[in-house]
């Protein structure tokens, strides 16, 4: 297959600059970001290679809010630390024991300032 990876994610925002800053400041993602902090490209987010789930869901799924067509899932390396940082910044984060399992990993959920759902995923350790 000629497709190598996701090349971008584009979505509408009420205030694109403010929302981009929120993602950079709270999650370390977006233009100029990278896991090691060494990205000086003002257009791209350098990511770490690894698994990506691409999965259309049924229109009546209850996995995320019915009024949203998509949910962003972000793979993280320290779920507890990131959740603590987000909560300290005043961002509501939801955790449920039922979401976590040794087979799939650990999860937390939050919303960006525009109400878009975000799922944080810490993959299971090998």
PDB file of N, CA and C in Angstrom:
ATOM      1  N   UNK A   1       0.831  -1.188   0.000  1.00  0.00           N
ATOM      2  CA  UNK A   1       0.000   0.000   0.000  1.00  0.00           C
ATOM      3  C   UNK A   1       0.873   1.248   0.000  1.00  0.00           C
ATOM      4  N   UNK A   2       0.481   2.281  -0.701  1.00  0.00           N
ATOM      5  CA  UNK A   2       1.286   3.489  -0.769  1.00  0.00           C
ATOM      6  C   UNK A   2       1.149   4.421   0.436  1.00  0.00           C
ATOM      7  N   UNK A   3       0.136   4.231   1.282  1.00  0.00           N
ATOM      8  CA  UNK A   3      -0.042   5.118   2.436  1.00  0.00           C
ATOM      9  C   UNK A   3       0.914   4.693   3.548  1.00  0.00           C
ATOM     10  N   UNK A   4       1.673   5.648   4.087  1.00  0.00           N
ATOM     11  CA  UNK A   4       2.665   5.363   5.120  1.00  0.00           C
ATOM     12  C   UNK A   4       2.200   5.705   6.521  1.00  0.00           C
ATOM     13  N   UNK A   5       1.390   6.754   6.664  1.00  0.00           N
ATOM     14  CA  UNK A   5       0.944   7.193   7.990  1.00  0.00           C
ATOM     15  C   UNK A   5      -0.059   8.322   7.820  1.00  0.00           C
ATOM     16  N   UNK A   6      -0.651   8.737   8.906  1.00  0.00           N
ATOM     17  CA  UNK A   6      -1.501   9.924   8.879  1.00  0.00           C
ATOM     18  C   UNK A   6      -0.598  11.122   8.657  1.00  0.00           C
ATOM     19  N   UNK A   7      -0.959  11.987   7.737  1.00  0.00           N
ATOM     20  CA  UNK A   7      -0.147  13.160   7.425  1.00  0.00           C
ATOM     21  C   UNK A   7      -0.625  14.426   8.095  1.00  0.00           C
ATOM     22  N   UNK A   8      -1.817  14.421   8.654  1.00  0.00           N
ATOM     23  CA  UNK A   8      -2.322  15.604   9.331  1.00  0.00           C
ATOM     24  C   UNK A   8      -3.732  15.373   9.828  1.00  0.00           C
ATOM     25  N   UNK A   9      -4.154  16.254  10.688  1.00  0.00           N
ATOM     26  CA  UNK A   9      -5.514  16.263  11.187  1.00  0.00           C
ATOM     27  C   UNK A   9      -5.990  17.699  11.102  1.00  0.00           C
ATOM     28  N   UNK A  10      -7.052  17.928  10.368  1.00  0.00           N
ATOM     29  CA  UNK A  10      -7.554  19.278  10.137  1.00  0.00           C
ATOM     30  C   UNK A  10      -8.986  19.360  10.636  1.00  0.00           C
ATOM     31  N   UNK A  11      -9.285  20.377  11.421  1.00  0.00           N
ATOM     32  CA  UNK A  11     -10.638  20.536  11.937  1.00  0.00           C
ATOM     33  C   UNK A  11     -10.918  22.012  12.181  1.00  0.00           C
ATOM     34  N   UNK A  12     -12.187  22.343  12.224  1.00  0.00           N
ATOM     35  CA  UNK A  12     -12.613  23.730  12.403  1.00  0.00           C
ATOM     36  C   UNK A  12     -12.532  24.125  13.872  1.00  0.00           C
ATOM     37  N   UNK A  13     -12.268  25.408  14.117  1.00  0.00           N
ATOM     38  CA  UNK A  13     -12.227  25.939  15.481  1.00  0.00           C
ATOM     39  C   UNK A  13     -12.764  27.358  15.478  1.00  0.00           C
ATOM     40  N   UNK A  14     -13.379  27.743  16.583  1.00  0.00           N
ATOM     41  CA  UNK A  14     -13.891  29.115  16.699  1.00  0.00           C
ATOM     42  C   UNK A  14     -12.742  30.118  16.679  1.00  0.00           C
ATOM     43  N   UNK A  15     -11.637  29.789  17.367  1.00  0.00           N
ATOM     44  CA  UNK A  15     -10.454  30.646  17.413  1.00  0.00           C
ATOM     45  C   UNK A  15      -9.237  29.741  17.197  1.00  0.00           C
ATOM     46  N   UNK A  16      -8.846  29.502  15.934  1.00  0.00           N
ATOM     47  CA  UNK A  16      -7.781  28.545  15.637  1.00  0.00           C
ATOM     48  C   UNK A  16      -6.465  28.838  16.363  1.00  0.00           C
ATOM     49  N   UNK A  17      -6.064  30.103  16.454  1.00  0.00           N
ATOM     50  CA  UNK A  17      -4.793  30.421  17.121  1.00  0.00           C
ATOM     51  C   UNK A  17      -4.844  30.079  18.600  1.00  0.00           C
ATOM     52  N   UNK A  18      -5.941  30.425  19.266  1.00  0.00           N
ATOM     53  CA  UNK A  18      -6.065  30.124  20.695  1.00  0.00           C
ATOM     54  C   UNK A  18      -6.129  28.623  20.938  1.00  0.00           C
ATOM     55  N   UNK A  19      -6.856  27.898  20.088  1.00  0.00           N
ATOM     56  CA  UNK A  19      -6.958  26.456  20.269  1.00  0.00           C
ATOM     57  C   UNK A  19      -5.609  25.784  20.001  1.00  0.00           C
ATOM     58  N   UNK A  20      -4.887  26.229  18.995  1.00  0.00           N
ATOM     59  CA  UNK A  20      -3.541  25.688  18.727  1.00  0.00           C
ATOM     60  C   UNK A  20      -2.634  25.920  19.929  1.00  0.00           C
ATOM     61  N   UNK A  21      -2.713  27.100  20.537  1.00  0.00           N
ATOM     62  CA  UNK A  21      -1.896  27.406  21.722  1.00  0.00           C
ATOM     63  C   UNK A  21      -2.284  26.506  22.892  1.00  0.00           C
ATOM     64  N   UNK A  22      -3.581  26.240  23.064  1.00  0.00           N
ATOM     65  CA  UNK A  22      -4.041  25.358  24.146  1.00  0.00           C
ATOM     66  C   UNK A  22      -3.435  23.966  23.972  1.00  0.00           C
ATOM     67  N   UNK A  23      -3.481  23.423  22.765  1.00  0.00           N
ATOM     68  CA  UNK A  23      -2.906  22.098  22.518  1.00  0.00           C
ATOM     69  C   UNK A  23      -1.392  22.094  22.762  1.00  0.00           C
ATOM     70  N   UNK A  24      -0.702  23.127  22.308  1.00  0.00           N
ATOM     71  CA  UNK A  24       0.752  23.219  22.554  1.00  0.00           C
ATOM     72  C   UNK A  24       1.049  23.315  24.045  1.00  0.00           C
ATOM     73  N   UNK A  25       0.339  24.206  24.744  1.00  0.00           N
ATOM     74  CA  UNK A  25       0.639  24.480  26.148  1.00  0.00           C
ATOM     75  C   UNK A  25       0.284  23.326  27.077  1.00  0.00           C
ATOM     76  N   UNK A  26      -0.833  22.650  26.827  1.00  0.00           N
ATOM     77  CA  UNK A  26      -1.305  21.634  27.757  1.00  0.00           C
ATOM     78  C   UNK A  26      -0.966  20.205  27.364  1.00  0.00           C
ATOM     79  N   UNK A  27      -0.790  19.957  26.066  1.00  0.00           N
ATOM     80  CA  UNK A  27      -0.528  18.591  25.621  1.00  0.00           C
ATOM     81  C   UNK A  27       0.790  18.451  24.866  1.00  0.00           C
ATOM     82  N   UNK A  28       1.439  19.566  24.552  1.00  0.00           N
ATOM     83  CA  UNK A  28       2.722  19.499  23.848  1.00  0.00           C
ATOM     84  C   UNK A  28       2.595  18.992  22.426  1.00  0.00           C
ATOM     85  N   UNK A  29       1.461  19.279  21.779  1.00  0.00           N
ATOM     86  CA  UNK A  29       1.276  18.839  20.398  1.00  0.00           C
ATOM     87  C   UNK A  29       0.932  20.018  19.511  1.00  0.00           C
ATOM     88  N   UNK A  30       1.253  19.885  18.247  1.00  0.00           N
ATOM     89  CA  UNK A  30       0.973  20.922  17.267  1.00  0.00           C
ATOM     90  C   UNK A  30       2.249  21.400  16.617  1.00  0.00           C
ATOM     91  N   UNK A  31       2.115  22.419  15.818  1.00  0.00           N
ATOM     92  CA  UNK A  31       3.243  22.962  15.051  1.00  0.00           C
ATOM     93  C   UNK A  31       4.414  23.312  15.965  1.00  0.00           C
ATOM     94  N   UNK A  32       5.589  22.837  15.600  1.00  0.00           N
ATOM     95  CA  UNK A  32       6.801  23.129  16.347  1.00  0.00           C
ATOM     96  C   UNK A  32       7.060  22.211  17.528  1.00  0.00           C
ATOM     97  N   UNK A  33       6.158  21.263  17.809  1.00  0.00           N
ATOM     98  CA  UNK A  33       6.320  20.373  18.961  1.00  0.00           C
ATOM     99  C   UNK A  33       6.949  19.044  18.550  1.00  0.00           C
ATOM    100  N   UNK A  34       7.592  18.385  19.509  1.00  0.00           N
ATOM    101  CA  UNK A  34       8.116  17.032  19.342  1.00  0.00           C
ATOM    102  C   UNK A  34       8.314  16.433  20.724  1.00  0.00           C
ATOM    103  N   UNK A  35       8.366  15.101  20.821  1.00  0.00           N
ATOM    104  CA  UNK A  35       8.549  14.477  22.128  1.00  0.00           C
ATOM    105  C   UNK A  35       9.843  14.914  22.828  1.00  0.00           C
ATOM    106  N   UNK A  36      10.871  15.213  22.060  1.00  0.00           N
ATOM    107  CA  UNK A  36      12.155  15.593  22.664  1.00  0.00           C
ATOM    108  C   UNK A  36      12.369  17.107  22.694  1.00  0.00           C
ATOM    109  N   UNK A  37      11.398  17.874  22.210  1.00  0.00           N
ATOM    110  CA  UNK A  37      11.500  19.330  22.217  1.00  0.00           C
ATOM    111  C   UNK A  37      12.417  19.899  21.157  1.00  0.00           C
ATOM    112  N   UNK A  38      12.884  19.080  20.212  1.00  0.00           N
ATOM    113  CA  UNK A  38      13.859  19.536  19.233  1.00  0.00           C
ATOM    114  C   UNK A  38      13.311  19.850  17.853  1.00  0.00           C
ATOM    115  N   UNK A  39      12.067  20.229  17.738  1.00  0.00           N
ATOM    116  CA  UNK A  39      11.478  20.498  16.419  1.00  0.00           C
ATOM    117  C   UNK A  39      11.412  22.008  16.184  1.00  0.00           C
ATOM    118  N   UNK A  40      12.146  22.479  15.185  1.00  0.00           N
ATOM    119  CA  UNK A  40      12.101  23.910  14.866  1.00  0.00           C
ATOM    120  C   UNK A  40      11.301  24.197  13.596  1.00  0.00           C
ATOM    121  N   UNK A  41      10.523  23.209  13.133  1.00  0.00           N
ATOM    122  CA  UNK A  41       9.671  23.386  11.956  1.00  0.00           C
ATOM    123  C   UNK A  41       8.359  24.027  12.406  1.00  0.00           C
ATOM    124  N   UNK A  42       8.040  25.224  11.937  1.00  0.00           N
ATOM    125  CA  UNK A  42       6.844  25.921  12.403  1.00  0.00           C
ATOM    126  C   UNK A  42       5.527  25.353  11.876  1.00  0.00           C
ATOM    127  N   UNK A  43       5.579  24.329  11.033  1.00  0.00           N
ATOM    128  CA  UNK A  43       4.356  23.774  10.450  1.00  0.00           C
ATOM    129  C   UNK A  43       4.022  22.380  10.942  1.00  0.00           C
ATOM    130  N   UNK A  44       5.008  21.613  11.418  1.00  0.00           N
ATOM    131  CA  UNK A  44       4.740  20.210  11.718  1.00  0.00           C
ATOM    132  C   UNK A  44       4.933  19.874  13.190  1.00  0.00           C
ATOM    133  N   UNK A  45       4.276  18.812  13.581  1.00  0.00           N
ATOM    134  CA  UNK A  45       4.428  18.212  14.895  1.00  0.00           C
ATOM    135  C   UNK A  45       5.181  16.908  14.661  1.00  0.00           C
ATOM    136  N   UNK A  46       6.369  16.786  15.172  1.00  0.00           N
ATOM    137  CA  UNK A  46       7.167  15.563  15.041  1.00  0.00           C
ATOM    138  C   UNK A  46       6.725  14.586  16.109  1.00  0.00           C
ATOM    139  N   UNK A  47       6.278  13.412  15.690  1.00  0.00           N
ATOM    140  CA  UNK A  47       5.755  12.422  16.627  1.00  0.00           C
ATOM    141  C   UNK A  47       6.689  11.234  16.740  1.00  0.00           C
ATOM    142  N   UNK A  48       6.470  10.469  17.760  1.00  0.00           N
ATOM    143  CA  UNK A  48       7.215   9.228  17.954  1.00  0.00           C
ATOM    144  C   UNK A  48       6.463   8.119  17.231  1.00  0.00           C
ATOM    145  N   UNK A  49       7.165   7.276  16.532  1.00  0.00           N
ATOM    146  CA  UNK A  49       6.526   6.172  15.820  1.00  0.00           C
ATOM    147  C   UNK A  49       5.864   5.197  16.769  1.00  0.00           C
ATOM    148  N   UNK A  50       4.844   4.554  16.298  1.00  0.00           N
ATOM    149  CA  UNK A  50       4.145   3.569  17.107  1.00  0.00           C
ATOM    150  C   UNK A  50       2.764   3.320  16.555  1.00  0.00           C
ATOM    151  N   UNK A  51       1.974   2.564  17.293  1.00  0.00           N
ATOM    152  CA  UNK A  51       0.657   2.187  16.782  1.00  0.00           C
ATOM    153  C   UNK A  51      -0.306   3.369  16.699  1.00  0.00           C
ATOM    154  N   UNK A  52      -1.143   3.338  15.667  1.00  0.00           N
ATOM    155  CA  UNK A  52      -2.223   4.311  15.482  1.00  0.00           C
ATOM    156  C   UNK A  52      -3.481   3.514  15.172  1.00  0.00           C
ATOM    157  N   UNK A  53      -4.550   3.784  15.893  1.00  0.00           N
ATOM    158  CA  UNK A  53      -5.818   3.123  15.623  1.00  0.00           C
ATOM    159  C   UNK A  53      -6.620   4.023  14.696  1.00  0.00           C
ATOM    160  N   UNK A  54      -7.063   3.470  13.591  1.00  0.00           N
ATOM    161  CA  UNK A  54      -7.937   4.172  12.648  1.00  0.00           C
ATOM    162  C   UNK A  54      -9.214   3.353  12.587  1.00  0.00           C
ATOM    163  N   UNK A  55     -10.293   3.838  13.216  1.00  0.00           N
ATOM    164  CA  UNK A  55     -11.480   3.005  13.350  1.00  0.00           C
ATOM    165  C   UNK A  55     -12.761   3.818  13.267  1.00  0.00           C
ATOM    166  N   UNK A  56     -13.491   3.720  12.159  1.00  0.00           N
ATOM    167  CA  UNK A  56     -14.825   4.301  12.131  1.00  0.00           C
ATOM    168  C   UNK A  56     -15.713   3.579  13.151  1.00  0.00           C
ATOM    169  N   UNK A  57     -16.541   4.337  13.842  1.00  0.00           N
ATOM    170  CA  UNK A  57     -17.468   3.782  14.823  1.00  0.00           C
ATOM    171  C   UNK A  57     -18.881   3.880  14.270  1.00  0.00           C
ATOM    172  N   UNK A  58     -19.766   3.057  14.772  1.00  0.00           N
ATOM    173  CA  UNK A  58     -21.172   3.120  14.384  1.00  0.00           C
ATOM    174  C   UNK A  58     -21.731   4.500  14.729  1.00  0.00           C
ATOM    175  N   UNK A  59     -22.667   4.970  13.946  1.00  0.00           N
ATOM    176  CA  UNK A  59     -23.245   6.301  14.153  1.00  0.00           C
ATOM    177  C   UNK A  59     -23.896   6.438  15.525  1.00  0.00           C
ATOM    178  N   UNK A  60     -24.356   5.345  16.105  1.00  0.00           N
ATOM    179  CA  UNK A  60     -25.025   5.411  17.407  1.00  0.00           C
ATOM    180  C   UNK A  60     -24.118   4.979  18.565  1.00  0.00           C
ATOM    181  N   UNK A  61     -22.799   4.997  18.363  1.00  0.00           N
ATOM    182  CA  UNK A  61     -21.880   4.600  19.438  1.00  0.00           C
ATOM    183  C   UNK A  61     -22.055   5.481  20.667  1.00  0.00           C
ATOM    184  N   UNK A  62     -21.817   4.909  21.828  1.00  0.00           N
ATOM    185  CA  UNK A  62     -21.792   5.708  23.053  1.00  0.00           C
ATOM    186  C   UNK A  62     -20.353   5.843  23.574  1.00  0.00           C
ATOM    187  N   UNK A  63     -19.377   5.502  22.738  1.00  0.00           N
ATOM    188  CA  UNK A  63     -17.970   5.593  23.145  1.00  0.00           C
ATOM    189  C   UNK A  63     -17.541   7.040  23.340  1.00  0.00           C
ATOM    190  N   UNK A  64     -18.154   7.967  22.595  1.00  0.00           N
ATOM    191  CA  UNK A  64     -17.942   9.398  22.807  1.00  0.00           C
ATOM    192  C   UNK A  64     -19.244  10.119  22.492  1.00  0.00           C
ATOM    193  N   UNK A  65     -19.280  11.420  22.785  1.00  0.00           N
ATOM    194  CA  UNK A  65     -20.522  12.193  22.727  1.00  0.00           C
ATOM    195  C   UNK A  65     -21.224  12.092  21.377  1.00  0.00           C
ATOM    196  N   UNK A  66     -22.537  11.932  21.432  1.00  0.00           N
ATOM    197  CA  UNK A  66     -23.352  11.770  20.222  1.00  0.00           C
ATOM    198  C   UNK A  66     -23.329  13.001  19.327  1.00  0.00           C
ATOM    199  N   UNK A  67     -23.033  14.174  19.883  1.00  0.00           N
ATOM    200  CA  UNK A  67     -23.035  15.388  19.064  1.00  0.00           C
ATOM    201  C   UNK A  67     -21.673  15.659  18.417  1.00  0.00           C
ATOM    202  N   UNK A  68     -20.751  14.723  18.520  1.00  0.00           N
ATOM    203  CA  UNK A  68     -19.410  14.867  17.925  1.00  0.00           C
ATOM    204  C   UNK A  68     -19.170  13.755  16.915  1.00  0.00           C
ATOM    205  N   UNK A  69     -18.596  14.112  15.780  1.00  0.00           N
ATOM    206  CA  UNK A  69     -18.336  13.132  14.724  1.00  0.00           C
ATOM    207  C   UNK A  69     -17.015  12.390  14.931  1.00  0.00           C
ATOM    208  N   UNK A  70     -16.155  12.907  15.804  1.00  0.00           N
ATOM    209  CA  UNK A  70     -14.843  12.299  15.984  1.00  0.00           C
ATOM    210  C   UNK A  70     -14.343  12.511  17.411  1.00  0.00           C
ATOM    211  N   UNK A  71     -13.350  11.713  17.794  1.00  0.00           N
ATOM    212  CA  UNK A  71     -12.644  11.884  19.059  1.00  0.00           C
ATOM    213  C   UNK A  71     -11.160  11.678  18.773  1.00  0.00           C
ATOM    214  N   UNK A  72     -10.331  12.567  19.274  1.00  0.00           N
ATOM    215  CA  UNK A  72      -8.894  12.472  19.122  1.00  0.00           C
ATOM    216  C   UNK A  72      -8.338  11.581  20.218  1.00  0.00           C
ATOM    217  N   UNK A  73      -7.569  10.570  19.842  1.00  0.00           N
ATOM    218  CA  UNK A  73      -6.904   9.687  20.803  1.00  0.00           C
ATOM    219  C   UNK A  73      -5.418   9.987  20.725  1.00  0.00           C
ATOM    220  N   UNK A  74      -4.810  10.312  21.855  1.00  0.00           N
ATOM    221  CA  UNK A  74      -3.382  10.629  21.913  1.00  0.00           C
ATOM    222  C   UNK A  74      -2.651   9.587  22.740  1.00  0.00           C
ATOM    223  N   UNK A  75      -1.611   8.998  22.159  1.00  0.00           N
ATOM    224  CA  UNK A  75      -0.773   8.025  22.863  1.00  0.00           C
ATOM    225  C   UNK A  75       0.200   8.787  23.753  1.00  0.00           C
ATOM    226  N   UNK A  76       0.248   8.452  25.041  1.00  0.00           N
ATOM    227  CA  UNK A  76       1.098   9.155  26.003  1.00  0.00           C
ATOM    228  C   UNK A  76       2.017   8.169  26.716  1.00  0.00           C
ATOM    229  N   UNK A  77       3.082   8.682  27.324  1.00  0.00           N
ATOM    230  CA  UNK A  77       4.030   7.809  28.013  1.00  0.00           C
ATOM    231  C   UNK A  77       3.874   7.851  29.530  1.00  0.00           C
ATOM    232  N   UNK A  78       3.248   8.863  30.086  1.00  0.00           N
ATOM    233  CA  UNK A  78       3.070   8.998  31.535  1.00  0.00           C
ATOM    234  C   UNK A  78       1.676   9.543  31.799  1.00  0.00           C
ATOM    235  N   UNK A  79       0.691   8.672  31.735  1.00  0.00           N
ATOM    236  CA  UNK A  79      -0.694   9.101  31.875  1.00  0.00           C
ATOM    237  C   UNK A  79      -0.932   9.808  33.207  1.00  0.00           C
ATOM    238  N   UNK A  80      -0.458   9.224  34.300  1.00  0.00           N
ATOM    239  CA  UNK A  80      -0.697   9.817  35.614  1.00  0.00           C
ATOM    240  C   UNK A  80      -0.086  11.210  35.714  1.00  0.00           C
ATOM    241  N   UNK A  81       1.137  11.371  35.243  1.00  0.00           N
ATOM    242  CA  UNK A  81       1.794  12.672  35.295  1.00  0.00           C
ATOM    243  C   UNK A  81       1.084  13.707  34.450  1.00  0.00           C
ATOM    244  N   UNK A  82       0.649  13.331  33.246  1.00  0.00           N
ATOM    245  CA  UNK A  82      -0.056  14.265  32.380  1.00  0.00           C
ATOM    246  C   UNK A  82      -1.402  14.648  32.984  1.00  0.00           C
ATOM    247  N   UNK A  83      -2.126  13.671  33.519  1.00  0.00           N
ATOM    248  CA  UNK A  83      -3.415  13.964  34.152  1.00  0.00           C
ATOM    249  C   UNK A  83      -3.214  14.931  35.317  1.00  0.00           C
ATOM    250  N   UNK A  84      -2.204  14.695  36.149  1.00  0.00           N
ATOM    251  CA  UNK A  84      -1.927  15.601  37.271  1.00  0.00           C
ATOM    252  C   UNK A  84      -1.658  17.020  36.782  1.00  0.00           C
ATOM    253  N   UNK A  85      -0.881  17.160  35.711  1.00  0.00           N
ATOM    254  CA  UNK A  85      -0.565  18.482  35.152  1.00  0.00           C
ATOM    255  C   UNK A  85      -1.810  19.164  34.605  1.00  0.00           C
ATOM    256  N   UNK A  86      -2.646  18.417  33.901  1.00  0.00           N
ATOM    257  CA  UNK A  86      -3.871  18.985  33.347  1.00  0.00           C
ATOM    258  C   UNK A  86      -4.820  19.440  34.460  1.00  0.00           C
ATOM    259  N   UNK A  87      -5.007  18.603  35.454  1.00  0.00           N
ATOM    260  CA  UNK A  87      -5.891  18.951  36.566  1.00  0.00           C
ATOM    261  C   UNK A  87      -5.359  20.179  37.309  1.00  0.00           C
ATOM    262  N   UNK A  88      -4.032  20.246  37.497  1.00  0.00           N
ATOM    263  CA  UNK A  88      -3.437  21.419  38.155  1.00  0.00           C
ATOM    264  C   UNK A  88      -3.652  22.693  37.345  1.00  0.00           C
ATOM    265  N   UNK A  89      -3.853  22.551  36.035  1.00  0.00           N
ATOM    266  CA  UNK A  89      -4.127  23.698  35.168  1.00  0.00           C
ATOM    267  C   UNK A  89      -5.618  24.030  35.091  1.00  0.00           C
ATOM    268  N   UNK A  90      -6.429  23.302  35.845  1.00  0.00           N
ATOM    269  CA  UNK A  90      -7.856  23.566  35.867  1.00  0.00           C
ATOM    270  C   UNK A  90      -8.650  22.857  34.791  1.00  0.00           C
ATOM    271  N   UNK A  91      -8.061  21.851  34.160  1.00  0.00           N
ATOM    272  CA  UNK A  91      -8.736  21.112  33.088  1.00  0.00           C
ATOM    273  C   UNK A  91      -9.372  19.855  33.681  1.00  0.00           C
ATOM    274  N   UNK A  92     -10.644  19.667  33.435  1.00  0.00           N
ATOM    275  CA  UNK A  92     -11.357  18.489  33.935  1.00  0.00           C
ATOM    276  C   UNK A  92     -10.929  17.261  33.143  1.00  0.00           C
ATOM    277  N   UNK A  93     -10.538  16.219  33.862  1.00  0.00           N
ATOM    278  CA  UNK A  93     -10.118  14.959  33.249  1.00  0.00           C
ATOM    279  C   UNK A  93     -10.898  13.834  33.921  1.00  0.00           C
ATOM    280  N   UNK A  94     -11.425  12.931  33.130  1.00  0.00           N
ATOM    281  CA  UNK A  94     -12.185  11.806  33.661  1.00  0.00           C
ATOM    282  C   UNK A  94     -11.380  10.522  33.531  1.00  0.00           C
ATOM    283  N   UNK A  95     -11.379   9.734  34.593  1.00  0.00           N
ATOM    284  CA  UNK A  95     -10.755   8.404  34.597  1.00  0.00           C
ATOM    285  C   UNK A  95     -11.791   7.410  35.090  1.00  0.00           C
ATOM    286  N   UNK A  96     -11.785   6.216  34.534  1.00  0.00           N
ATOM    287  CA  UNK A  96     -12.656   5.136  35.007  1.00  0.00           C
ATOM    288  C   UNK A  96     -11.855   3.846  34.988  1.00  0.00           C
ATOM    289  N   UNK A  97     -11.910   3.113  36.086  1.00  0.00           N
ATOM    290  CA  UNK A  97     -11.207   1.835  36.158  1.00  0.00           C
ATOM    291  C   UNK A  97     -11.667   0.892  35.051  1.00  0.00           C
ATOM    292  N   UNK A  98     -12.947   0.963  34.676  1.00  0.00           N
ATOM    293  CA  UNK A  98     -13.500   0.070  33.648  1.00  0.00           C
ATOM    294  C   UNK A  98     -12.861   0.297  32.280  1.00  0.00           C
ATOM    295  N   UNK A  99     -12.261   1.468  32.045  1.00  0.00           N
ATOM    296  CA  UNK A  99     -11.630   1.747  30.755  1.00  0.00           C
ATOM    297  C   UNK A  99     -10.269   1.070  30.613  1.00  0.00           C
ATOM    298  N   UNK A 100      -9.644   0.724  31.746  1.00  0.00           N
ATOM    299  CA  UNK A 100      -8.269   0.218  31.739  1.00  0.00           C
ATOM    300  C   UNK A 100      -8.236  -1.303  31.754  1.00  0.00           C
ATOM    301  N   UNK A 101      -7.275  -1.861  31.017  1.00  0.00           N
ATOM    302  CA  UNK A 101      -7.066  -3.308  31.060  1.00  0.00           C
ATOM    303  C   UNK A 101      -5.623  -3.608  30.669  1.00  0.00           C
ATOM    304  N   UNK A 102      -5.086  -4.719  31.145  1.00  0.00           N
ATOM    305  CA  UNK A 102      -3.710  -5.075  30.779  1.00  0.00           C
ATOM    306  C   UNK A 102      -3.524  -5.273  29.276  1.00  0.00           C
ATOM    307  N   UNK A 103      -4.604  -5.657  28.567  1.00  0.00           N
ATOM    308  CA  UNK A 103      -4.504  -5.912  27.130  1.00  0.00           C
ATOM    309  C   UNK A 103      -4.470  -4.631  26.302  1.00  0.00           C
ATOM    310  N   UNK A 104      -5.237  -3.630  26.706  1.00  0.00           N
ATOM    311  CA  UNK A 104      -5.338  -2.417  25.895  1.00  0.00           C
ATOM    312  C   UNK A 104      -4.631  -1.214  26.487  1.00  0.00           C
ATOM    313  N   UNK A 105      -4.386  -1.197  27.781  1.00  0.00           N
ATOM    314  CA  UNK A 105      -3.690  -0.079  28.410  1.00  0.00           C
ATOM    315  C   UNK A 105      -4.598   0.720  29.319  1.00  0.00           C
ATOM    316  N   UNK A 106      -4.212   1.981  29.527  1.00  0.00           N
ATOM    317  CA  UNK A 106      -4.905   2.874  30.456  1.00  0.00           C
ATOM    318  C   UNK A 106      -5.383   4.112  29.711  1.00  0.00           C
ATOM    319  N   UNK A 107      -6.529   4.675  30.166  1.00  0.00           N
ATOM    320  CA  UNK A 107      -7.162   5.764  29.441  1.00  0.00           C
ATOM    321  C   UNK A 107      -7.629   6.873  30.380  1.00  0.00           C
ATOM    322  N   UNK A 108      -7.718   8.070  29.827  1.00  0.00           N
ATOM    323  CA  UNK A 108      -8.334   9.221  30.484  1.00  0.00           C
ATOM    324  C   UNK A 108      -8.981  10.057  29.389  1.00  0.00           C
ATOM    325  N   UNK A 109      -9.967  10.852  29.774  1.00  0.00           N
ATOM    326  CA  UNK A 109     -10.664  11.673  28.772  1.00  0.00           C
ATOM    327  C   UNK A 109     -10.817  13.104  29.262  1.00  0.00           C
ATOM    328  N   UNK A 110     -10.787  14.014  28.291  1.00  0.00           N
ATOM    329  CA  UNK A 110     -10.974  15.430  28.539  1.00  0.00           C
ATOM    330  C   UNK A 110     -11.553  16.063  27.289  1.00  0.00           C
ATOM    331  N   UNK A 111     -11.798  17.365  27.341  1.00  0.00           N
ATOM    332  CA  UNK A 111     -12.300  18.111  26.185  1.00  0.00           C
ATOM    333  C   UNK A 111     -11.451  19.351  26.006  1.00  0.00           C
ATOM    334  N   UNK A 112     -11.215  19.736  24.761  1.00  0.00           N
ATOM    335  CA  UNK A 112     -10.500  20.987  24.505  1.00  0.00           C
ATOM    336  C   UNK A 112     -11.475  22.152  24.699  1.00  0.00           C
ATOM    337  N   UNK A 113     -11.003  23.392  24.629  1.00  0.00           N
ATOM    338  CA  UNK A 113     -11.892  24.537  24.861  1.00  0.00           C
ATOM    339  C   UNK A 113     -13.082  24.634  23.903  1.00  0.00           C
ATOM    340  N   UNK A 114     -13.013  23.996  22.740  1.00  0.00           N
ATOM    341  CA  UNK A 114     -14.147  23.986  21.812  1.00  0.00           C
ATOM    342  C   UNK A 114     -15.089  22.814  22.068  1.00  0.00           C
ATOM    343  N   UNK A 115     -14.802  22.004  23.083  1.00  0.00           N
ATOM    344  CA  UNK A 115     -15.654  20.873  23.419  1.00  0.00           C
ATOM    345  C   UNK A 115     -15.335  19.594  22.677  1.00  0.00           C
ATOM    346  N   UNK A 116     -14.244  19.571  21.915  1.00  0.00           N
ATOM    347  CA  UNK A 116     -13.865  18.364  21.188  1.00  0.00           C
ATOM    348  C   UNK A 116     -13.329  17.318  22.165  1.00  0.00           C
ATOM    349  N   UNK A 117     -13.792  16.068  22.041  1.00  0.00           N
ATOM    350  CA  UNK A 117     -13.345  15.030  22.960  1.00  0.00           C
ATOM    351  C   UNK A 117     -11.929  14.561  22.640  1.00  0.00           C
ATOM    352  N   UNK A 118     -11.164  14.332  23.703  1.00  0.00           N
ATOM    353  CA  UNK A 118      -9.788  13.848  23.598  1.00  0.00           C
ATOM    354  C   UNK A 118      -9.660  12.658  24.536  1.00  0.00           C
ATOM    355  N   UNK A 119      -9.102  11.581  24.035  1.00  0.00           N
ATOM    356  CA  UNK A 119      -8.815  10.417  24.863  1.00  0.00           C
ATOM    357  C   UNK A 119      -7.301  10.285  24.949  1.00  0.00           C
ATOM    358  N   UNK A 120      -6.798  10.163  26.164  1.00  0.00           N
ATOM    359  CA  UNK A 120      -5.374   9.917  26.384  1.00  0.00           C
ATOM    360  C   UNK A 120      -5.207   8.423  26.592  1.00  0.00           C
ATOM    361  N   UNK A 121      -4.239   7.840  25.908  1.00  0.00           N
ATOM    362  CA  UNK A 121      -4.033   6.386  25.955  1.00  0.00           C
ATOM    363  C   UNK A 121      -2.582   6.086  26.288  1.00  0.00           C
ATOM    364  N   UNK A 122      -2.381   5.357  27.376  1.00  0.00           N
ATOM    365  CA  UNK A 122      -1.064   4.830  27.694  1.00  0.00           C
ATOM    366  C   UNK A 122      -1.093   3.351  27.353  1.00  0.00           C
ATOM    367  N   UNK A 123      -0.370   2.988  26.293  1.00  0.00           N
ATOM    368  CA  UNK A 123      -0.372   1.601  25.813  1.00  0.00           C
ATOM    369  C   UNK A 123       0.174   0.668  26.892  1.00  0.00           C
ATOM    370  N   UNK A 124      -0.238  -0.585  26.856  1.00  0.00           N
ATOM    371  CA  UNK A 124       0.279  -1.525  27.852  1.00  0.00           C
ATOM    372  C   UNK A 124       1.793  -1.714  27.692  1.00  0.00           C
ATOM    373  N   UNK A 125       2.452  -1.968  28.789  1.00  0.00           N
ATOM    374  CA  UNK A 125       3.886  -2.205  28.716  1.00  0.00           C
ATOM    375  C   UNK A 125       4.125  -3.608  28.189  1.00  0.00           C
ATOM    376  N   UNK A 126       5.176  -3.737  27.423  1.00  0.00           N
ATOM    377  CA  UNK A 126       5.460  -5.030  26.770  1.00  0.00           C
ATOM    378  C   UNK A 126       5.983  -6.040  27.744  1.00  0.00           C
TER     379      UNK A 126
END
